[in-house]
Structures are given as C-alpha cells and as structure tokens.
Amino acid sequence: MLKRVKSVSMLLFLMAASTGSMNAVSAPAIASSNAIEQQTETCKGVVKDAMGETVIGASVVVKGTTNGTITGIDGDFTLSGVSEGSILVISYVGYVTQEVKFNGQPLNVILKEDSQTLEEVVVVGYGVQKKANLTGAVATVNAKALESRPVSSVSAAIAGQMPGVTAIQSSGAPGSQAADM
C-alpha cells in the first residue's frame, strides 16, 4: 500500500510539474498577444509661405528621428511611419522653423519669413556666402548711372563704373559691344 501511495504521489507531482511548465511556456505567448503595438500612419500635407505660395524643397522630419522627406514641386509631402501624436519639424532656408503635432489628418503648414537670417546672406557672382564670411569689397552701381550711358550691352555699361571690374571688348566692329568681364 505504501508503494501504491508513493506512485500516486509521484504521478500527482509529475502532473503538477508538467501543468506548471505548460503555464510557464504559455505565459509569454499570452503576454506577447496582449502587448500594445504603436500604430504608424502615412502623414501627408502641404507647406506654403505667408503669401500662399508653395515652398519647394522644405525639410519635413519627425522630431528625434531620422525619418524625413522634402516637399515636392507643389509643396506637398508624404511621410510614412509616423505615429499619431508625433511632432514634425518643418524647416527651410529664410523661414522660421516650425513644429507641428500630427493628429492623423493632412497638414497645412504656413512658414513665416525669418528676416534676420536673410540680412546675413550676400549673393556673390559664383555662389552664396554669409555676410560674416565675406572678405573683399562689395560694390554697387545705381540704375541712373547705367541709364545715362548710350550703350547697347550691360557689359559696356558697367565698364568703368565699378572698381576692380575690367571689361575687354574683343572687336571694334560697330554694334559689337559685347565684352568679356
């Protein structure tokens, strides 16, 4: 009888152990099925300036990530993998950077001009440089000085009006006033 009790208790022990191990195996499966996954959507929108003109090439980036795009020819953008409630950072040279919260609806962003940064840029003949980095002289010619000269080309009108600018006319033929600057 003692032998029989030992075998029954051993059988109950094994059943309890196997049941416990089954629960231990199934517990992670239950936990993973109850896990909350963050839903991502496709964010669409249009970027315009204060005058209502579309902004081509504006940068649209999800804040804190590298997920981003630029606006197309119509100022529109499409950005996938954006979760609702994310902050989008929209920036473009000459405009104030804006942060917009994505709520699942198409966005209509209006950028405001940043006049402070526009004053610090000087356009030169071969590119753009910051005013602080510009070395050398900057010269201007007013319109009255050009209007008073009886010439048929701009290069001939500028000749002798600005220091450091040389206009070389390769031909002396009448009407051929084009010059190399």
C-alpha atoms as a PDB file:
ATOM      1  CA  MET A   1       0.000   0.000   0.000  1.00  0.00           C
ATOM      2  CA  LEU A   2       2.857   2.340   0.794  1.00  0.00           C
ATOM      3  CA  LYS A   3       4.297   1.563  -2.577  1.00  0.00           C
ATOM      4  CA  ARG A   4       0.997   2.470  -4.199  1.00  0.00           C
ATOM      5  CA  VAL A   5       0.756   5.813  -2.308  1.00  0.00           C
ATOM      6  CA  LYS A   6       4.302   6.671  -3.385  1.00  0.00           C
ATOM      7  CA  SER A   7       3.455   6.014  -7.026  1.00  0.00           C
ATOM      8  CA  VAL A   8       0.218   8.067  -6.850  1.00  0.00           C
ATOM      9  CA  SER A   9       2.008  10.960  -5.166  1.00  0.00           C
ATOM     10  CA  MET A  10       4.765  10.756  -7.779  1.00  0.00           C
ATOM     11  CA  LEU A  11       2.132  10.795 -10.509  1.00  0.00           C
ATOM     12  CA  LEU A  12       0.439  13.839  -8.949  1.00  0.00           C
ATOM     13  CA  PHE A  13       3.816  15.556  -8.622  1.00  0.00           C
ATOM     14  CA  LEU A  14       4.624  14.947 -12.270  1.00  0.00           C
ATOM     15  CA  MET A  15       1.199  16.167 -13.359  1.00  0.00           C
ATOM     16  CA  ALA A  16       1.573  19.317 -11.280  1.00  0.00           C
ATOM     17  CA  ALA A  17       5.068  19.891 -12.604  1.00  0.00           C
ATOM     18  CA  SER A  18       4.012  19.374 -16.192  1.00  0.00           C
ATOM     19  CA  THR A  19       0.988  21.634 -15.757  1.00  0.00           C
ATOM     20  CA  GLY A  20       3.193  24.310 -14.219  1.00  0.00           C
ATOM     21  CA  SER A  21       5.681  24.086 -17.026  1.00  0.00           C
ATOM     22  CA  MET A  22       2.899  24.345 -19.578  1.00  0.00           C
ATOM     23  CA  ASN A  23       1.693  27.531 -17.948  1.00  0.00           C
ATOM     24  CA  ALA A  24       5.227  28.837 -17.887  1.00  0.00           C
ATOM     25  CA  VAL A  25       5.537  28.196 -21.640  1.00  0.00           C
ATOM     26  CA  SER A  26       2.158  29.648 -22.479  1.00  0.00           C
ATOM     27  CA  ALA A  27       2.558  32.739 -20.280  1.00  0.00           C
ATOM     28  CA  PRO A  28       4.936  34.530 -22.680  1.00  0.00           C
ATOM     29  CA  ALA A  29       2.598  33.764 -25.562  1.00  0.00           C
ATOM     30  CA  ILE A  30      -0.251  35.419 -23.675  1.00  0.00           C
ATOM     31  CA  ALA A  31       1.929  38.375 -22.746  1.00  0.00           C
ATOM     32  CA  SER A  32       3.029  38.936 -26.346  1.00  0.00           C
ATOM     33  CA  SER A  33      -0.502  38.789 -27.665  1.00  0.00           C
ATOM     34  CA  ASN A  34      -1.554  41.432 -25.131  1.00  0.00           C
ATOM     35  CA  ALA A  35       1.368  43.725 -25.962  1.00  0.00           C
ATOM     36  CA  ILE A  36       0.366  47.135 -27.283  1.00  0.00           C
ATOM     37  CA  GLU A  37       1.986  47.938 -30.585  1.00  0.00           C
ATOM     38  CA  GLN A  38       2.312  51.553 -31.698  1.00  0.00           C
ATOM     39  CA  GLN A  39       0.270  52.253 -34.824  1.00  0.00           C
ATOM     40  CA  THR A  40       2.052  54.132 -37.598  1.00  0.00           C
ATOM     41  CA  GLU A  41       0.379  56.009 -40.390  1.00  0.00           C
ATOM     42  CA  THR A  42       1.278  57.953 -43.508  1.00  0.00           C
ATOM     43  CA  CYS A  43       1.421  61.694 -42.924  1.00  0.00           C
ATOM     44  CA  LYS A  44       0.526  63.955 -45.850  1.00  0.00           C
ATOM     45  CA  GLY A  45       0.489  67.713 -46.107  1.00  0.00           C
ATOM     46  CA  VAL A  46       1.360  70.925 -47.938  1.00  0.00           C
ATOM     47  CA  VAL A  47       3.896  73.600 -46.969  1.00  0.00           C
ATOM     48  CA  LYS A  48       3.225  77.212 -48.052  1.00  0.00           C
ATOM     49  CA  ASP A  49       4.650  80.627 -47.253  1.00  0.00           C
ATOM     50  CA  ALA A  50       2.758  83.621 -45.843  1.00  0.00           C
ATOM     51  CA  MET A  51       1.766  84.730 -49.372  1.00  0.00           C
ATOM     52  CA  GLY A  52       0.164  81.342 -50.104  1.00  0.00           C
ATOM     53  CA  GLU A  53       2.921  80.201 -52.483  1.00  0.00           C
ATOM     54  CA  THR A  54       4.084  76.601 -52.135  1.00  0.00           C
ATOM     55  CA  VAL A  55       7.557  76.014 -50.693  1.00  0.00           C
ATOM     56  CA  ILE A  56       9.611  73.591 -52.797  1.00  0.00           C
ATOM     57  CA  GLY A  57      12.358  71.617 -51.022  1.00  0.00           C
ATOM     58  CA  ALA A  58      11.341  72.290 -47.416  1.00  0.00           C
ATOM     59  CA  SER A  59      12.579  69.672 -44.944  1.00  0.00           C
ATOM     60  CA  VAL A  60       9.950  67.666 -43.006  1.00  0.00           C
ATOM     61  CA  VAL A  61      11.372  65.424 -40.241  1.00  0.00           C
ATOM     62  CA  VAL A  62       9.822  63.525 -37.324  1.00  0.00           C
ATOM     63  CA  LYS A  63      11.409  65.118 -34.230  1.00  0.00           C
ATOM     64  CA  GLY A  64      14.045  62.932 -32.575  1.00  0.00           C
ATOM     65  CA  THR A  65      14.366  60.554 -35.548  1.00  0.00           C
ATOM     66  CA  THR A  66      15.979  60.411 -38.960  1.00  0.00           C
ATOM     67  CA  ASN A  67      12.622  59.754 -40.622  1.00  0.00           C
ATOM     68  CA  GLY A  68      12.074  62.649 -43.007  1.00  0.00           C
ATOM     69  CA  THR A  69      11.399  63.922 -46.511  1.00  0.00           C
ATOM     70  CA  ILE A  70      11.338  67.131 -48.547  1.00  0.00           C
ATOM     71  CA  THR A  71       8.432  68.894 -50.203  1.00  0.00           C
ATOM     72  CA  GLY A  72       7.828  68.441 -53.921  1.00  0.00           C
ATOM     73  CA  ILE A  73       7.136  70.893 -56.739  1.00  0.00           C
ATOM     74  CA  ASP A  74       3.641  71.607 -55.388  1.00  0.00           C
ATOM     75  CA  GLY A  75       4.872  71.990 -51.789  1.00  0.00           C
ATOM     76  CA  ASP A  76       3.328  68.641 -50.893  1.00  0.00           C
ATOM     77  CA  PHE A  77       4.928  65.831 -48.897  1.00  0.00           C
ATOM     78  CA  THR A  78       4.175  62.246 -47.887  1.00  0.00           C
ATOM     79  CA  LEU A  79       5.941  60.705 -44.898  1.00  0.00           C
ATOM     80  CA  SER A  80       5.280  57.101 -43.883  1.00  0.00           C
ATOM     81  CA  GLY A  81       5.910  55.517 -40.483  1.00  0.00           C
ATOM     82  CA  VAL A  82       4.603  58.449 -38.442  1.00  0.00           C
ATOM     83  CA  SER A  83       2.669  57.676 -35.273  1.00  0.00           C
ATOM     84  CA  GLU A  84      -0.228  59.867 -34.206  1.00  0.00           C
ATOM     85  CA  GLY A  85       0.911  62.497 -31.717  1.00  0.00           C
ATOM     86  CA  SER A  86       4.430  62.758 -33.198  1.00  0.00           C
ATOM     87  CA  ILE A  87       5.984  66.190 -33.648  1.00  0.00           C
ATOM     88  CA  LEU A  88       7.032  67.125 -37.188  1.00  0.00           C
ATOM     89  CA  VAL A  89       9.785  69.723 -37.676  1.00  0.00           C
ATOM     90  CA  ILE A  90       9.426  71.761 -40.893  1.00  0.00           C
ATOM     91  CA  SER A  91      12.352  73.964 -41.934  1.00  0.00           C
ATOM     92  CA  TYR A  92      13.558  75.903 -44.967  1.00  0.00           C
ATOM     93  CA  VAL A  93      16.294  78.499 -45.501  1.00  0.00           C
ATOM     94  CA  GLY A  94      14.957  82.011 -44.877  1.00  0.00           C
ATOM     95  CA  TYR A  95      11.939  80.810 -42.884  1.00  0.00           C
ATOM     96  CA  VAL A  96      11.341  80.239 -39.168  1.00  0.00           C
ATOM     97  CA  THR A  97      11.479  76.509 -38.293  1.00  0.00           C
ATOM     98  CA  GLN A  98       8.065  75.237 -37.230  1.00  0.00           C
ATOM     99  CA  GLU A  99       7.000  72.250 -35.124  1.00  0.00           C
ATOM    100  CA  VAL A 100       3.574  70.714 -35.808  1.00  0.00           C
ATOM    101  CA  LYS A 101       1.817  67.852 -33.990  1.00  0.00           C
ATOM    102  CA  PHE A 102       0.499  65.084 -36.293  1.00  0.00           C
ATOM    103  CA  ASN A 103      -3.097  64.184 -35.427  1.00  0.00           C
ATOM    104  CA  GLY A 104      -3.833  61.785 -38.283  1.00  0.00           C
ATOM    105  CA  GLN A 105      -5.237  64.463 -40.608  1.00  0.00           C
ATOM    106  CA  PRO A 106      -3.477  66.044 -43.639  1.00  0.00           C
ATOM    107  CA  LEU A 107      -1.374  69.027 -42.552  1.00  0.00           C
ATOM    108  CA  ASN A 108      -1.430  72.550 -43.995  1.00  0.00           C
ATOM    109  CA  VAL A 109       1.721  74.311 -42.772  1.00  0.00           C
ATOM    110  CA  ILE A 110       2.393  78.023 -43.344  1.00  0.00           C
ATOM    111  CA  LEU A 111       6.010  79.115 -42.839  1.00  0.00           C
ATOM    112  CA  LYS A 112       6.865  82.663 -41.752  1.00  0.00           C
ATOM    113  CA  GLU A 113       9.832  84.564 -43.168  1.00  0.00           C
ATOM    114  CA  ASP A 114      12.886  84.928 -40.959  1.00  0.00           C
ATOM    115  CA  SER A 115      14.097  88.400 -41.908  1.00  0.00           C
ATOM    116  CA  GLN A 116      17.055  88.233 -39.515  1.00  0.00           C
ATOM    117  CA  THR A 117      18.751  85.397 -41.405  1.00  0.00           C
ATOM    118  CA  LEU A 118      18.004  86.973 -44.797  1.00  0.00           C
ATOM    119  CA  GLU A 119      20.017  90.075 -43.868  1.00  0.00           C
ATOM    120  CA  GLU A 120      23.087  87.961 -43.154  1.00  0.00           C
ATOM    121  CA  VAL A 121      23.335  86.409 -46.631  1.00  0.00           C
ATOM    122  CA  VAL A 122      25.168  88.074 -49.522  1.00  0.00           C
ATOM    123  CA  VAL A 123      24.742  86.735 -53.053  1.00  0.00           C
ATOM    124  CA  VAL A 124      28.016  86.788 -54.955  1.00  0.00           C
ATOM    125  CA  GLY A 125      28.678  86.054 -58.630  1.00  0.00           C
ATOM    126  CA  TYR A 126      29.604  82.424 -58.033  1.00  0.00           C
ATOM    127  CA  GLY A 127      27.502  81.355 -55.041  1.00  0.00           C
ATOM    128  CA  VAL A 128      26.109  82.463 -51.678  1.00  0.00           C
ATOM    129  CA  GLN A 129      28.109  83.336 -48.574  1.00  0.00           C
ATOM    130  CA  LYS A 130      27.272  84.568 -45.096  1.00  0.00           C
ATOM    131  CA  LYS A 131      27.892  88.250 -44.550  1.00  0.00           C
ATOM    132  CA  ALA A 132      30.347  87.466 -41.731  1.00  0.00           C
ATOM    133  CA  ASN A 133      32.457  85.248 -44.013  1.00  0.00           C
ATOM    134  CA  LEU A 134      32.622  87.710 -46.914  1.00  0.00           C
ATOM    135  CA  THR A 135      36.047  89.202 -47.488  1.00  0.00           C
ATOM    136  CA  GLY A 136      36.887  91.832 -50.051  1.00  0.00           C
ATOM    137  CA  ALA A 137      34.862  94.720 -51.362  1.00  0.00           C
ATOM    138  CA  VAL A 138      31.248  94.831 -52.414  1.00  0.00           C
ATOM    139  CA  ALA A 139      30.395  97.480 -54.991  1.00  0.00           C
ATOM    140  CA  THR A 140      27.090  98.589 -56.434  1.00  0.00           C
ATOM    141  CA  VAL A 141      26.046 100.570 -59.470  1.00  0.00           C
ATOM    142  CA  ASN A 142      22.815 102.533 -59.336  1.00  0.00           C
ATOM    143  CA  ALA A 143      20.344 102.498 -62.214  1.00  0.00           C
ATOM    144  CA  LYS A 144      20.820 106.194 -63.090  1.00  0.00           C
ATOM    145  CA  ALA A 145      24.495 105.638 -63.874  1.00  0.00           C
ATOM    146  CA  LEU A 146      23.605 102.813 -66.282  1.00  0.00           C
ATOM    147  CA  GLU A 147      20.675 104.667 -67.927  1.00  0.00           C
ATOM    148  CA  SER A 148      22.777 107.714 -68.767  1.00  0.00           C
ATOM    149  CA  ARG A 149      25.246 105.724 -70.898  1.00  0.00           C
ATOM    150  CA  PRO A 150      24.399 105.278 -74.604  1.00  0.00           C
ATOM    151  CA  VAL A 151      25.412 101.625 -74.979  1.00  0.00           C
ATOM    152  CA  SER A 152      23.619  98.506 -76.191  1.00  0.00           C
ATOM    153  CA  SER A 153      25.002  95.938 -73.734  1.00  0.00           C
ATOM    154  CA  VAL A 154      25.152  95.702 -69.975  1.00  0.00           C
ATOM    155  CA  SER A 155      28.827  94.741 -70.028  1.00  0.00           C
ATOM    156  CA  ALA A 156      29.706  98.002 -71.801  1.00  0.00           C
ATOM    157  CA  ALA A 157      27.543  99.990 -69.367  1.00  0.00           C
ATOM    158  CA  ILE A 158      29.302  98.522 -66.323  1.00  0.00           C
ATOM    159  CA  ALA A 159      32.782  99.176 -67.756  1.00  0.00           C
ATOM    160  CA  GLY A 160      34.462 101.913 -65.730  1.00  0.00           C
ATOM    161  CA  GLN A 161      31.643 102.160 -63.192  1.00  0.00           C
ATOM    162  CA  MET A 162      32.929  99.748 -60.548  1.00  0.00           C
ATOM    163  CA  PRO A 163      36.467  99.441 -59.190  1.00  0.00           C
ATOM    164  CA  GLY A 164      38.161  96.131 -59.932  1.00  0.00           C
ATOM    165  CA  VAL A 165      35.869  95.226 -62.841  1.00  0.00           C
ATOM    166  CA  THR A 166      37.501  95.063 -66.251  1.00  0.00           C
ATOM    167  CA  ALA A 167      35.513  94.871 -69.493  1.00  0.00           C
ATOM    168  CA  ILE A 168      37.526  93.732 -72.520  1.00  0.00           C
ATOM    169  CA  GLN A 169      35.912  94.309 -75.888  1.00  0.00           C
ATOM    170  CA  SER A 170      37.396  91.883 -78.402  1.00  0.00           C
ATOM    171  CA  SER A 171      36.015  93.544 -81.521  1.00  0.00           C
ATOM    172  CA  GLY A 172      35.866  97.157 -82.637  1.00  0.00           C
ATOM    173  CA  ALA A 173      33.129  96.498 -85.169  1.00  0.00           C
ATOM    174  CA  PRO A 174      30.073  98.786 -84.916  1.00  0.00           C
ATOM    175  CA  GLY A 175      27.230  97.182 -82.927  1.00  0.00           C
ATOM    176  CA  SER A 176      29.549  94.574 -81.438  1.00  0.00           C
ATOM    177  CA  GLN A 177      29.835  95.949 -77.937  1.00  0.00           C
ATOM    178  CA  ALA A 178      29.723  92.660 -76.029  1.00  0.00           C
ATOM    179  CA  ALA A 179      32.670  92.461 -73.685  1.00  0.00           C
ATOM    180  CA  ASP A 180      34.297  89.813 -71.547  1.00  0.00           C
ATOM    181  CA  MET A 181      34.165  90.734 -67.855  1.00  0.00           C
END
